[in-house]
Amino acid sequence: MRASCYFCKGKVVEPVASVDFWWGDDLKIIETVPPGICQQCGEKYFSPEVYKEMERLAKSPGRAVSRLSVDVLRYSPA
């Protein structure tokens, strides 16, 4: 994993996190993912193995451990 962020050069750490993952038009939240996260700007980095597993989970129907309801808002200038 990267030691420093490509964008801001901040320190990249490897906590366990929840990740929002789009699979086509479907938003999936994948919990307990081990990404690298920049402590300064929040950019996330994934190893190829972790990303492949997230793809596998996202396209597997019936694997959800819970469901959320999310509000969708449309921006319009005042």
N, C-alpha and C. Protein backbone atom coordinates (compact mmCIF):
# COMPACT_ATOMS: atom_id res chain seq x y z
N MET A 1 0.86 -1.18 0.00
CA MET A 1 0.00 0.00 0.00
C MET A 1 0.89 1.24 0.00
N ARG A 2 0.35 2.31 -0.48
CA ARG A 2 1.09 3.57 -0.58
C ARG A 2 1.45 4.11 0.80
N ALA A 3 2.59 4.74 0.92
CA ALA A 3 2.99 5.39 2.17
C ALA A 3 2.53 6.84 2.20
N SER A 4 2.41 7.46 1.01
CA SER A 4 1.95 8.84 0.95
C SER A 4 0.93 9.00 -0.18
N CYS A 5 0.05 9.98 -0.01
CA CYS A 5 -1.03 10.23 -0.95
C CYS A 5 -0.49 10.80 -2.26
N TYR A 6 -0.99 10.27 -3.36
CA TYR A 6 -0.60 10.74 -4.69
C TYR A 6 -0.98 12.20 -4.89
N PHE A 7 -2.12 12.63 -4.31
CA PHE A 7 -2.65 13.98 -4.55
C PHE A 7 -2.07 15.03 -3.62
N CYS A 8 -2.07 14.78 -2.31
CA CYS A 8 -1.65 15.83 -1.37
C CYS A 8 -0.38 15.49 -0.61
N LYS A 9 0.16 14.30 -0.81
CA LYS A 9 1.37 13.80 -0.15
C LYS A 9 1.18 13.56 1.34
N GLY A 10 -0.10 13.51 1.80
CA GLY A 10 -0.39 13.19 3.19
C GLY A 10 -0.07 11.73 3.49
N LYS A 11 -0.08 11.38 4.77
CA LYS A 11 0.22 10.01 5.20
C LYS A 11 -0.99 9.11 4.95
N VAL A 12 -0.75 7.93 4.35
CA VAL A 12 -1.80 6.95 4.10
C VAL A 12 -1.74 5.88 5.18
N VAL A 13 -2.88 5.68 5.86
CA VAL A 13 -2.99 4.67 6.90
C VAL A 13 -3.97 3.60 6.44
N GLU A 14 -4.00 2.46 7.13
CA GLU A 14 -4.84 1.35 6.71
C GLU A 14 -5.83 0.93 7.80
N PRO A 15 -6.82 1.78 8.10
CA PRO A 15 -7.85 1.37 9.05
C PRO A 15 -8.89 0.50 8.33
N VAL A 16 -9.80 -0.07 9.08
CA VAL A 16 -10.94 -0.77 8.49
C VAL A 16 -12.04 0.27 8.34
N ALA A 17 -12.73 0.29 7.18
CA ALA A 17 -13.71 1.33 6.91
C ALA A 17 -14.90 0.78 6.14
N SER A 18 -15.99 1.55 6.13
CA SER A 18 -17.12 1.28 5.25
C SER A 18 -16.90 2.08 3.98
N VAL A 19 -17.20 1.47 2.83
CA VAL A 19 -16.92 2.09 1.54
C VAL A 19 -18.20 2.13 0.72
N ASP A 20 -18.50 3.31 0.13
CA ASP A 20 -19.61 3.39 -0.82
C ASP A 20 -19.09 2.93 -2.17
N PHE A 21 -19.79 1.98 -2.77
CA PHE A 21 -19.31 1.31 -3.98
C PHE A 21 -20.45 1.26 -4.99
N TRP A 22 -20.27 1.93 -6.11
CA TRP A 22 -21.29 1.92 -7.15
C TRP A 22 -21.07 0.74 -8.08
N TRP A 23 -22.13 -0.06 -8.28
CA TRP A 23 -22.13 -1.15 -9.24
C TRP A 23 -23.23 -0.82 -10.24
N GLY A 24 -22.84 -0.22 -11.37
CA GLY A 24 -23.84 0.29 -12.32
C GLY A 24 -24.60 1.43 -11.66
N ASP A 25 -25.93 1.33 -11.63
CA ASP A 25 -26.76 2.35 -10.98
C ASP A 25 -27.05 2.03 -9.52
N ASP A 26 -26.50 0.96 -9.01
CA ASP A 26 -26.77 0.53 -7.64
C ASP A 26 -25.64 0.95 -6.70
N LEU A 27 -26.03 1.59 -5.60
CA LEU A 27 -25.07 1.96 -4.58
C LEU A 27 -25.03 0.86 -3.53
N LYS A 28 -23.85 0.36 -3.26
CA LYS A 28 -23.64 -0.65 -2.23
C LYS A 28 -22.74 -0.04 -1.16
N ILE A 29 -23.00 -0.34 0.09
CA ILE A 29 -22.11 0.02 1.20
C ILE A 29 -21.44 -1.27 1.64
N ILE A 30 -20.14 -1.32 1.55
CA ILE A 30 -19.40 -2.52 1.93
C ILE A 30 -18.64 -2.21 3.22
N GLU A 31 -18.94 -2.97 4.26
CA GLU A 31 -18.35 -2.74 5.58
C GLU A 31 -17.07 -3.53 5.77
N THR A 32 -16.28 -3.08 6.70
CA THR A 32 -15.02 -3.72 7.14
C THR A 32 -14.04 -3.96 5.99
N VAL A 33 -13.90 -2.96 5.14
CA VAL A 33 -12.95 -3.01 4.02
C VAL A 33 -11.61 -2.45 4.50
N PRO A 34 -10.48 -3.05 4.13
CA PRO A 34 -9.18 -2.53 4.53
C PRO A 34 -8.54 -1.63 3.45
N PRO A 35 -9.06 -0.40 3.27
CA PRO A 35 -8.43 0.47 2.28
C PRO A 35 -7.24 1.20 2.89
N GLY A 36 -6.46 1.83 2.04
CA GLY A 36 -5.50 2.82 2.51
C GLY A 36 -6.22 4.15 2.42
N ILE A 37 -6.21 4.96 3.48
CA ILE A 37 -6.91 6.24 3.48
C ILE A 37 -5.94 7.34 3.87
N CYS A 38 -5.91 8.40 3.05
CA CYS A 38 -5.06 9.55 3.36
C CYS A 38 -5.62 10.28 4.57
N GLN A 39 -4.77 10.50 5.57
CA GLN A 39 -5.20 11.20 6.77
C GLN A 39 -5.46 12.67 6.51
N GLN A 40 -4.91 13.21 5.44
CA GLN A 40 -5.05 14.64 5.16
C GLN A 40 -6.27 14.95 4.28
N CYS A 41 -6.43 14.25 3.14
CA CYS A 41 -7.50 14.60 2.21
C CYS A 41 -8.60 13.54 2.10
N GLY A 42 -8.39 12.34 2.65
CA GLY A 42 -9.41 11.31 2.64
C GLY A 42 -9.43 10.42 1.40
N GLU A 43 -8.51 10.62 0.46
CA GLU A 43 -8.45 9.77 -0.72
C GLU A 43 -8.26 8.31 -0.29
N LYS A 44 -9.00 7.39 -0.97
CA LYS A 44 -8.92 5.97 -0.63
C LYS A 44 -8.13 5.22 -1.70
N TYR A 45 -7.35 4.26 -1.25
CA TYR A 45 -6.56 3.41 -2.13
C TYR A 45 -6.91 1.96 -1.81
N PHE A 46 -7.07 1.12 -2.86
CA PHE A 46 -7.41 -0.28 -2.68
C PHE A 46 -6.39 -1.14 -3.40
N SER A 47 -5.99 -2.23 -2.76
CA SER A 47 -5.14 -3.20 -3.45
C SER A 47 -6.00 -3.89 -4.49
N PRO A 48 -5.40 -4.47 -5.53
CA PRO A 48 -6.19 -5.18 -6.54
C PRO A 48 -7.04 -6.30 -5.93
N GLU A 49 -6.52 -7.00 -4.94
CA GLU A 49 -7.26 -8.10 -4.31
C GLU A 49 -8.50 -7.58 -3.58
N VAL A 50 -8.34 -6.48 -2.85
CA VAL A 50 -9.48 -5.90 -2.12
C VAL A 50 -10.53 -5.41 -3.11
N TYR A 51 -10.11 -4.74 -4.18
CA TYR A 51 -11.07 -4.22 -5.16
C TYR A 51 -11.83 -5.36 -5.84
N LYS A 52 -11.14 -6.44 -6.19
CA LYS A 52 -11.81 -7.59 -6.81
C LYS A 52 -12.84 -8.20 -5.87
N GLU A 53 -12.53 -8.27 -4.59
CA GLU A 53 -13.48 -8.80 -3.61
C GLU A 53 -14.69 -7.87 -3.48
N MET A 54 -14.48 -6.55 -3.50
CA MET A 54 -15.60 -5.62 -3.44
C MET A 54 -16.50 -5.79 -4.67
N GLU A 55 -15.90 -5.96 -5.85
CA GLU A 55 -16.69 -6.22 -7.06
C GLU A 55 -17.50 -7.51 -6.93
N ARG A 56 -16.87 -8.55 -6.42
CA ARG A 56 -17.56 -9.83 -6.25
C ARG A 56 -18.75 -9.69 -5.31
N LEU A 57 -18.56 -8.98 -4.20
CA LEU A 57 -19.65 -8.77 -3.25
C LEU A 57 -20.77 -7.94 -3.87
N ALA A 58 -20.42 -6.89 -4.61
CA ALA A 58 -21.42 -5.98 -5.19
C ALA A 58 -22.31 -6.68 -6.20
N LYS A 59 -21.77 -7.63 -6.94
CA LYS A 59 -22.58 -8.28 -7.97
C LYS A 59 -23.22 -9.59 -7.50
N SER A 60 -23.07 -9.92 -6.22
CA SER A 60 -23.67 -11.13 -5.67
C SER A 60 -25.03 -10.80 -5.06
N PRO A 61 -26.13 -11.20 -5.71
CA PRO A 61 -27.46 -10.91 -5.15
C PRO A 61 -27.68 -11.70 -3.86
N GLY A 62 -28.44 -11.10 -2.96
CA GLY A 62 -28.79 -11.79 -1.73
C GLY A 62 -27.71 -11.81 -0.66
N ARG A 63 -26.64 -11.06 -0.84
CA ARG A 63 -25.54 -11.06 0.13
C ARG A 63 -25.67 -9.95 1.18
N ALA A 64 -26.66 -9.07 1.03
CA ALA A 64 -26.78 -7.92 1.93
C ALA A 64 -27.02 -8.35 3.37
N VAL A 65 -26.33 -7.70 4.30
CA VAL A 65 -26.53 -7.99 5.72
C VAL A 65 -27.53 -7.02 6.34
N SER A 66 -27.82 -5.89 5.65
CA SER A 66 -28.84 -4.95 6.08
C SER A 66 -29.19 -4.04 4.90
N ARG A 67 -30.25 -3.23 5.07
CA ARG A 67 -30.68 -2.30 4.02
C ARG A 67 -30.81 -0.92 4.63
N LEU A 68 -30.53 0.10 3.80
CA LEU A 68 -30.64 1.50 4.21
C LEU A 68 -31.56 2.22 3.24
N SER A 69 -32.18 3.27 3.71
CA SER A 69 -32.95 4.16 2.85
C SER A 69 -32.17 5.46 2.73
N VAL A 70 -31.98 5.94 1.51
CA VAL A 70 -31.16 7.13 1.29
C VAL A 70 -31.96 8.20 0.57
N ASP A 71 -31.94 9.43 1.07
CA ASP A 71 -32.60 10.54 0.40
C ASP A 71 -31.77 10.97 -0.81
N VAL A 72 -32.45 11.26 -1.90
CA VAL A 72 -31.80 11.78 -3.11
C VAL A 72 -32.28 13.21 -3.30
N LEU A 73 -31.34 14.13 -3.36
CA LEU A 73 -31.67 15.55 -3.48
C LEU A 73 -31.16 16.10 -4.80
N ARG A 74 -31.84 17.07 -5.33
CA ARG A 74 -31.39 17.71 -6.57
C ARG A 74 -30.95 19.14 -6.25
N TYR A 75 -29.75 19.47 -6.61
CA TYR A 75 -29.22 20.81 -6.39
C TYR A 75 -29.85 21.78 -7.38
N SER A 76 -30.30 22.91 -6.88
CA SER A 76 -30.75 23.99 -7.77
C SER A 76 -30.39 25.30 -7.09
N PRO A 77 -29.64 26.15 -7.78
CA PRO A 77 -29.21 27.42 -7.20
C PRO A 77 -30.40 28.28 -6.77
N ALA A 78 -30.24 28.96 -5.68
CA ALA A 78 -31.32 29.83 -5.14
C ALA A 78 -31.57 31.02 -6.05
